[in-house]
Amino acid sequence: LVESGGGLVQAGGSLRLSCTASGRTISWY
């Protein structure tokens, strides 16, 4: 699993984090 999308943001703001899997489908989890 590899996460991305973090960063510095001001209060009230928005972010979208992503987690992408390799090696196997995530359908089982």
PDB file of all heavy atoms in Angstrom:
ATOM      1  N   LEU A   1       0.838  -1.202   0.000  1.00  0.00           N
ATOM      2  CA  LEU A   1       0.000   0.000   0.000  1.00  0.00           C
ATOM      3  C   LEU A   1       0.870   1.248   0.000  1.00  0.00           C
ATOM      4  O   LEU A   1       1.834   1.325   0.773  1.00  0.00           O
ATOM      5  CB  LEU A   1      -0.901   0.011   1.230  1.00  0.00           C
ATOM      6  CG  LEU A   1      -1.797  -1.208   1.428  1.00  0.00           C
ATOM      7  CD1 LEU A   1      -2.495  -1.146   2.784  1.00  0.00           C
ATOM      8  CD2 LEU A   1      -2.809  -1.318   0.301  1.00  0.00           C
ATOM      9  N   VAL A   2       0.512   2.203  -0.833  1.00  0.00           N
ATOM     10  CA  VAL A   2       1.242   3.462  -0.899  1.00  0.00           C
ATOM     11  C   VAL A   2       0.248   4.606  -0.804  1.00  0.00           C
ATOM     12  O   VAL A   2      -0.645   4.735  -1.650  1.00  0.00           O
ATOM     13  CB  VAL A   2       2.052   3.576  -2.198  1.00  0.00           C
ATOM     14  CG1 VAL A   2       2.755   4.932  -2.249  1.00  0.00           C
ATOM     15  CG2 VAL A   2       3.064   2.450  -2.303  1.00  0.00           C
ATOM     16  N   GLU A   3       0.426   5.424   0.236  1.00  0.00           N
ATOM     17  CA  GLU A   3      -0.433   6.586   0.429  1.00  0.00           C
ATOM     18  C   GLU A   3       0.153   7.809  -0.266  1.00  0.00           C
ATOM     19  O   GLU A   3       1.372   7.928  -0.421  1.00  0.00           O
ATOM     20  CB  GLU A   3      -0.596   6.906   1.925  1.00  0.00           C
ATOM     21  CG  GLU A   3      -1.159   5.792   2.769  1.00  0.00           C
ATOM     22  CD  GLU A   3      -0.088   4.924   3.406  1.00  0.00           C
ATOM     23  OE1 GLU A   3       1.041   4.888   2.875  1.00  0.00           O
ATOM     24  OE2 GLU A   3      -0.372   4.284   4.433  1.00  0.00           O
ATOM     25  N   SER A   4      -0.723   8.712  -0.647  1.00  0.00           N
ATOM     26  CA  SER A   4      -0.304   9.980  -1.232  1.00  0.00           C
ATOM     27  C   SER A   4      -1.390  11.013  -0.991  1.00  0.00           C
ATOM     28  O   SER A   4      -2.499  10.681  -0.561  1.00  0.00           O
ATOM     29  CB  SER A   4      -0.049   9.834  -2.737  1.00  0.00           C
ATOM     30  OG  SER A   4      -1.232   9.436  -3.402  1.00  0.00           O
ATOM     31  N   GLY A   5      -1.047  12.273  -1.242  1.00  0.00           N
ATOM     32  CA  GLY A   5      -2.031  13.345  -1.143  1.00  0.00           C
ATOM     33  C   GLY A   5      -1.906  14.207   0.093  1.00  0.00           C
ATOM     34  O   GLY A   5      -2.626  15.198   0.233  1.00  0.00           O
ATOM     35  N   GLY A   6      -1.017  13.841   0.999  1.00  0.00           N
ATOM     36  CA  GLY A   6      -0.835  14.655   2.188  1.00  0.00           C
ATOM     37  C   GLY A   6      -0.157  15.971   1.856  1.00  0.00           C
ATOM     38  O   GLY A   6       0.320  16.187   0.749  1.00  0.00           O
ATOM     39  N   GLY A   7      -0.130  16.846   2.834  1.00  0.00           N
ATOM     40  CA  GLY A   7       0.507  18.137   2.630  1.00  0.00           C
ATOM     41  C   GLY A   7       0.118  19.118   3.699  1.00  0.00           C
ATOM     42  O   GLY A   7      -0.479  18.755   4.722  1.00  0.00           O
ATOM     43  N   LEU A   8       0.452  20.363   3.466  1.00  0.00           N
ATOM     44  CA  LEU A   8       0.147  21.450   4.388  1.00  0.00           C
ATOM     45  C   LEU A   8      -1.092  22.182   3.895  1.00  0.00           C
ATOM     46  O   LEU A   8      -1.159  22.579   2.724  1.00  0.00           O
ATOM     47  CB  LEU A   8       1.333  22.411   4.470  1.00  0.00           C
ATOM     48  CG  LEU A   8       1.139  23.681   5.308  1.00  0.00           C
ATOM     49  CD1 LEU A   8       0.900  23.321   6.766  1.00  0.00           C
ATOM     50  CD2 LEU A   8       2.347  24.588   5.148  1.00  0.00           C
ATOM     51  N   VAL A   9      -2.040  22.357   4.790  1.00  0.00           N
ATOM     52  CA  VAL A   9      -3.278  23.035   4.416  1.00  0.00           C
ATOM     53  C   VAL A   9      -3.743  23.893   5.589  1.00  0.00           C
ATOM     54  O   VAL A   9      -3.466  23.567   6.746  1.00  0.00           O
ATOM     55  CB  VAL A   9      -4.360  22.003   4.016  1.00  0.00           C
ATOM     56  CG1 VAL A   9      -4.706  21.099   5.186  1.00  0.00           C
ATOM     57  CG2 VAL A   9      -5.586  22.666   3.446  1.00  0.00           C
ATOM     58  N   GLN A  10      -4.410  24.964   5.288  1.00  0.00           N
ATOM     59  CA  GLN A  10      -4.943  25.824   6.334  1.00  0.00           C
ATOM     60  C   GLN A  10      -6.223  25.230   6.911  1.00  0.00           C
ATOM     61  O   GLN A  10      -6.956  24.496   6.232  1.00  0.00           O
ATOM     62  CB  GLN A  10      -5.228  27.217   5.788  1.00  0.00           C
ATOM     63  CG  GLN A  10      -3.978  28.036   5.506  1.00  0.00           C
ATOM     64  CD  GLN A  10      -4.306  29.479   5.183  1.00  0.00           C
ATOM     65  OE1 GLN A  10      -5.371  29.779   4.638  1.00  0.00           O
ATOM     66  NE2 GLN A  10      -3.392  30.371   5.519  1.00  0.00           N
ATOM     67  N   ALA A  11      -6.484  25.573   8.146  1.00  0.00           N
ATOM     68  CA  ALA A  11      -7.723  25.140   8.785  1.00  0.00           C
ATOM     69  C   ALA A  11      -8.919  25.564   7.934  1.00  0.00           C
ATOM     70  O   ALA A  11      -8.953  26.670   7.393  1.00  0.00           O
ATOM     71  CB  ALA A  11      -7.831  25.725  10.183  1.00  0.00           C
ATOM     72  N   GLY A  12      -9.860  24.648   7.800  1.00  0.00           N
ATOM     73  CA  GLY A  12     -11.024  24.883   6.953  1.00  0.00           C
ATOM     74  C   GLY A  12     -10.860  24.386   5.542  1.00  0.00           C
ATOM     75  O   GLY A  12     -11.839  24.324   4.780  1.00  0.00           O
ATOM     76  N   GLY A  13      -9.649  24.032   5.177  1.00  0.00           N
ATOM     77  CA  GLY A  13      -9.379  23.562   3.833  1.00  0.00           C
ATOM     78  C   GLY A  13      -9.706  22.095   3.646  1.00  0.00           C
ATOM     79  O   GLY A  13     -10.245  21.436   4.546  1.00  0.00           O
ATOM     80  N   SER A  14      -9.351  21.592   2.473  1.00  0.00           N
ATOM     81  CA  SER A  14      -9.660  20.217   2.099  1.00  0.00           C
ATOM     82  C   SER A  14      -8.437  19.530   1.511  1.00  0.00           C
ATOM     83  O   SER A  14      -7.555  20.185   0.947  1.00  0.00           O
ATOM     84  CB  SER A  14     -10.788  20.188   1.062  1.00  0.00           C
ATOM     85  OG  SER A  14     -11.974  20.755   1.571  1.00  0.00           O
ATOM     86  N   LEU A  15      -8.429  18.230   1.656  1.00  0.00           N
ATOM     87  CA  LEU A  15      -7.422  17.386   1.024  1.00  0.00           C
ATOM     88  C   LEU A  15      -8.085  16.079   0.627  1.00  0.00           C
ATOM     89  O   LEU A  15      -9.068  15.659   1.241  1.00  0.00           O
ATOM     90  CB  LEU A  15      -6.264  17.080   1.966  1.00  0.00           C
ATOM     91  CG  LEU A  15      -5.166  18.105   2.182  1.00  0.00           C
ATOM     92  CD1 LEU A  15      -4.199  17.607   3.244  1.00  0.00           C
ATOM     93  CD2 LEU A  15      -4.444  18.433   0.901  1.00  0.00           C
ATOM     94  N   ARG A  16      -7.508  15.448  -0.376  1.00  0.00           N
ATOM     95  CA  ARG A  16      -7.922  14.092  -0.711  1.00  0.00           C
ATOM     96  C   ARG A  16      -6.699  13.185  -0.656  1.00  0.00           C
ATOM     97  O   ARG A  16      -5.730  13.381  -1.392  1.00  0.00           O
ATOM     98  CB  ARG A  16      -8.541  14.009  -2.101  1.00  0.00           C
ATOM     99  CG  ARG A  16      -9.126  12.618  -2.388  1.00  0.00           C
ATOM    100  CD  ARG A  16      -9.623  12.466  -3.805  1.00  0.00           C
ATOM    101  NE  ARG A  16      -8.526  12.297  -4.758  1.00  0.00           N
ATOM    102  CZ  ARG A  16      -8.688  11.868  -5.998  1.00  0.00           C
ATOM    103  NH1 ARG A  16      -9.902  11.584  -6.451  1.00  0.00           N
ATOM    104  NH2 ARG A  16      -7.653  11.751  -6.812  1.00  0.00           N
ATOM    105  N   LEU A  17      -6.780  12.219   0.226  1.00  0.00           N
ATOM    106  CA  LEU A  17      -5.721  11.225   0.324  1.00  0.00           C
ATOM    107  C   LEU A  17      -6.068  10.030  -0.557  1.00  0.00           C
ATOM    108  O   LEU A  17      -7.238   9.677  -0.707  1.00  0.00           O
ATOM    109  CB  LEU A  17      -5.553  10.761   1.764  1.00  0.00           C
ATOM    110  CG  LEU A  17      -5.286  11.835   2.812  1.00  0.00           C
ATOM    111  CD1 LEU A  17      -5.049  11.173   4.178  1.00  0.00           C
ATOM    112  CD2 LEU A  17      -4.128  12.714   2.431  1.00  0.00           C
ATOM    113  N   SER A  18      -5.035   9.427  -1.101  1.00  0.00           N
ATOM    114  CA  SER A  18      -5.203   8.224  -1.915  1.00  0.00           C
ATOM    115  C   SER A  18      -4.309   7.121  -1.366  1.00  0.00           C
ATOM    116  O   SER A  18      -3.228   7.391  -0.841  1.00  0.00           O
ATOM    117  CB  SER A  18      -4.824   8.484  -3.371  1.00  0.00           C
ATOM    118  OG  SER A  18      -5.626   9.500  -3.945  1.00  0.00           O
ATOM    119  N   CYS A  19      -4.767   5.925  -1.512  1.00  0.00           N
ATOM    120  CA  CYS A  19      -3.979   4.750  -1.136  1.00  0.00           C
ATOM    121  C   CYS A  19      -4.097   3.762  -2.286  1.00  0.00           C
ATOM    122  O   CYS A  19      -5.200   3.273  -2.569  1.00  0.00           O
ATOM    123  CB  CYS A  19      -4.502   4.156   0.158  1.00  0.00           C
ATOM    124  SG  CYS A  19      -3.809   2.536   0.556  1.00  0.00           S
ATOM    125  N   THR A  20      -2.987   3.484  -2.922  1.00  0.00           N
ATOM    126  CA  THR A  20      -2.986   2.592  -4.077  1.00  0.00           C
ATOM    127  C   THR A  20      -2.257   1.302  -3.735  1.00  0.00           C
ATOM    128  O   THR A  20      -1.179   1.330  -3.138  1.00  0.00           O
ATOM    129  CB  THR A  20      -2.336   3.267  -5.278  1.00  0.00           C
ATOM    130  OG1 THR A  20      -3.063   4.465  -5.580  1.00  0.00           O
ATOM    131  CG2 THR A  20      -2.372   2.350  -6.494  1.00  0.00           C
ATOM    132  N   ALA A  21      -2.860   0.211  -4.121  1.00  0.00           N
ATOM    133  CA  ALA A  21      -2.323  -1.105  -3.793  1.00  0.00           C
ATOM    134  C   ALA A  21      -1.637  -1.728  -4.990  1.00  0.00           C
ATOM    135  O   ALA A  21      -2.033  -1.512  -6.135  1.00  0.00           O
ATOM    136  CB  ALA A  21      -3.445  -2.012  -3.316  1.00  0.00           C
ATOM    137  N   SER A  22      -0.643  -2.513  -4.701  1.00  0.00           N
ATOM    138  CA  SER A  22      -0.005  -3.330  -5.730  1.00  0.00           C
ATOM    139  C   SER A  22       0.187  -4.730  -5.177  1.00  0.00           C
ATOM    140  O   SER A  22       0.172  -4.940  -3.964  1.00  0.00           O
ATOM    141  CB  SER A  22       1.345  -2.734  -6.145  1.00  0.00           C
ATOM    142  OG  SER A  22       2.229  -2.683  -5.050  1.00  0.00           O
ATOM    143  N   GLY A  23       0.321  -5.655  -6.074  1.00  0.00           N
ATOM    144  CA  GLY A  23       0.563  -7.029  -5.651  1.00  0.00           C
ATOM    145  C   GLY A  23      -0.693  -7.877  -5.590  1.00  0.00           C
ATOM    146  O   GLY A  23      -0.636  -9.084  -5.715  1.00  0.00           O
ATOM    147  N   ARG A  24      -1.805  -7.242  -5.368  1.00  0.00           N
ATOM    148  CA  ARG A  24      -3.060  -7.987  -5.255  1.00  0.00           C
ATOM    149  C   ARG A  24      -4.216  -6.994  -5.339  1.00  0.00           C
ATOM    150  O   ARG A  24      -4.089  -5.855  -4.902  1.00  0.00           O
ATOM    151  CB  ARG A  24      -3.105  -8.730  -3.926  1.00  0.00           C
ATOM    152  CG  ARG A  24      -4.372  -9.528  -3.688  1.00  0.00           C
ATOM    153  CD  ARG A  24      -4.331 -10.223  -2.337  1.00  0.00           C
ATOM    154  NE  ARG A  24      -3.483 -11.415  -2.362  1.00  0.00           N
ATOM    155  CZ  ARG A  24      -3.263 -12.177  -1.302  1.00  0.00           C
ATOM    156  NH1 ARG A  24      -3.791 -11.856  -0.142  1.00  0.00           N
ATOM    157  NH2 ARG A  24      -2.506 -13.252  -1.385  1.00  0.00           N
ATOM    158  N   THR A  25      -5.331  -7.473  -5.821  1.00  0.00           N
ATOM    159  CA  THR A  25      -6.525  -6.635  -5.810  1.00  0.00           C
ATOM    160  C   THR A  25      -6.939  -6.308  -4.382  1.00  0.00           C
ATOM    161  O   THR A  25      -6.697  -7.090  -3.459  1.00  0.00           O
ATOM    162  CB  THR A  25      -7.687  -7.354  -6.515  1.00  0.00           C
ATOM    163  OG1 THR A  25      -8.871  -6.552  -6.411  1.00  0.00           O
ATOM    164  CG2 THR A  25      -7.972  -8.712  -5.893  1.00  0.00           C
ATOM    165  N   ILE A  26      -7.539  -5.156  -4.203  1.00  0.00           N
ATOM    166  CA  ILE A  26      -8.030  -4.811  -2.873  1.00  0.00           C
ATOM    167  C   ILE A  26      -9.456  -5.282  -2.650  1.00  0.00           C
ATOM    168  O   ILE A  26     -10.037  -5.057  -1.596  1.00  0.00           O
ATOM    169  CB  ILE A  26      -7.950  -3.288  -2.606  1.00  0.00           C
ATOM    170  CG1 ILE A  26      -8.888  -2.519  -3.563  1.00  0.00           C
ATOM    171  CG2 ILE A  26      -6.520  -2.805  -2.717  1.00  0.00           C
ATOM    172  CD1 ILE A  26      -9.022  -1.044  -3.195  1.00  0.00           C
ATOM    173  N   SER A  27     -10.019  -5.953  -3.655  1.00  0.00           N
ATOM    174  CA  SER A  27     -11.426  -6.347  -3.586  1.00  0.00           C
ATOM    175  C   SER A  27     -11.723  -7.241  -2.385  1.00  0.00           C
ATOM    176  O   SER A  27     -12.858  -7.298  -1.926  1.00  0.00           O
ATOM    177  CB  SER A  27     -11.835  -7.081  -4.868  1.00  0.00           C
ATOM    178  OG  SER A  27     -11.651  -6.261  -5.995  1.00  0.00           O
ATOM    179  N   TRP A  28     -10.726  -7.954  -1.914  1.00  0.00           N
ATOM    180  CA  TRP A  28     -10.941  -8.876  -0.798  1.00  0.00           C
ATOM    181  C   TRP A  28     -10.947  -8.184   0.552  1.00  0.00           C
ATOM    182  O   TRP A  28     -11.334  -8.785   1.549  1.00  0.00           O
ATOM    183  CB  TRP A  28      -9.835  -9.922  -0.783  1.00  0.00           C
ATOM    184  CG  TRP A  28      -9.834 -10.845  -1.939  1.00  0.00           C
ATOM    185  CD1 TRP A  28     -10.730 -10.870  -2.973  1.00  0.00           C
ATOM    186  CD2 TRP A  28      -8.893 -11.888  -2.200  1.00  0.00           C
ATOM    187  NE1 TRP A  28     -10.386 -11.871  -3.855  1.00  0.00           N
ATOM    188  CE2 TRP A  28      -9.285 -12.502  -3.410  1.00  0.00           C
ATOM    189  CE3 TRP A  28      -7.770 -12.365  -1.521  1.00  0.00           C
ATOM    190  CZ2 TRP A  28      -8.572 -13.574  -3.953  1.00  0.00           C
ATOM    191  CZ3 TRP A  28      -7.069 -13.427  -2.062  1.00  0.00           C
ATOM    192  CH2 TRP A  28      -7.471 -14.020  -3.271  1.00  0.00           C
ATOM    193  N   TYR A  29     -10.484  -6.940   0.598  1.00  0.00           N
ATOM    194  CA  TYR A  29     -10.174  -6.324   1.877  1.00  0.00           C
ATOM    195  C   TYR A  29     -11.155  -5.237   2.293  1.00  0.00           C
ATOM    196  O   TYR A  29     -11.671  -4.493   1.464  1.00  0.00           O
ATOM    197  CB  TYR A  29      -8.793  -5.678   1.828  1.00  0.00           C
ATOM    198  CG  TYR A  29      -7.669  -6.634   1.538  1.00  0.00           C
ATOM    199  CD1 TYR A  29      -7.153  -6.726   0.254  1.00  0.00           C
ATOM    200  CD2 TYR A  29      -7.120  -7.426   2.537  1.00  0.00           C
ATOM    201  CE1 TYR A  29      -6.110  -7.595  -0.029  1.00  0.00           C
ATOM    202  CE2 TYR A  29      -6.077  -8.291   2.262  1.00  0.00           C
ATOM    203  CZ  TYR A  29      -5.581  -8.370   0.979  1.00  0.00           C
ATOM    204  OH  TYR A  29      -4.555  -9.229   0.706  1.00  0.00           O
TER     205      TYR A  29
END
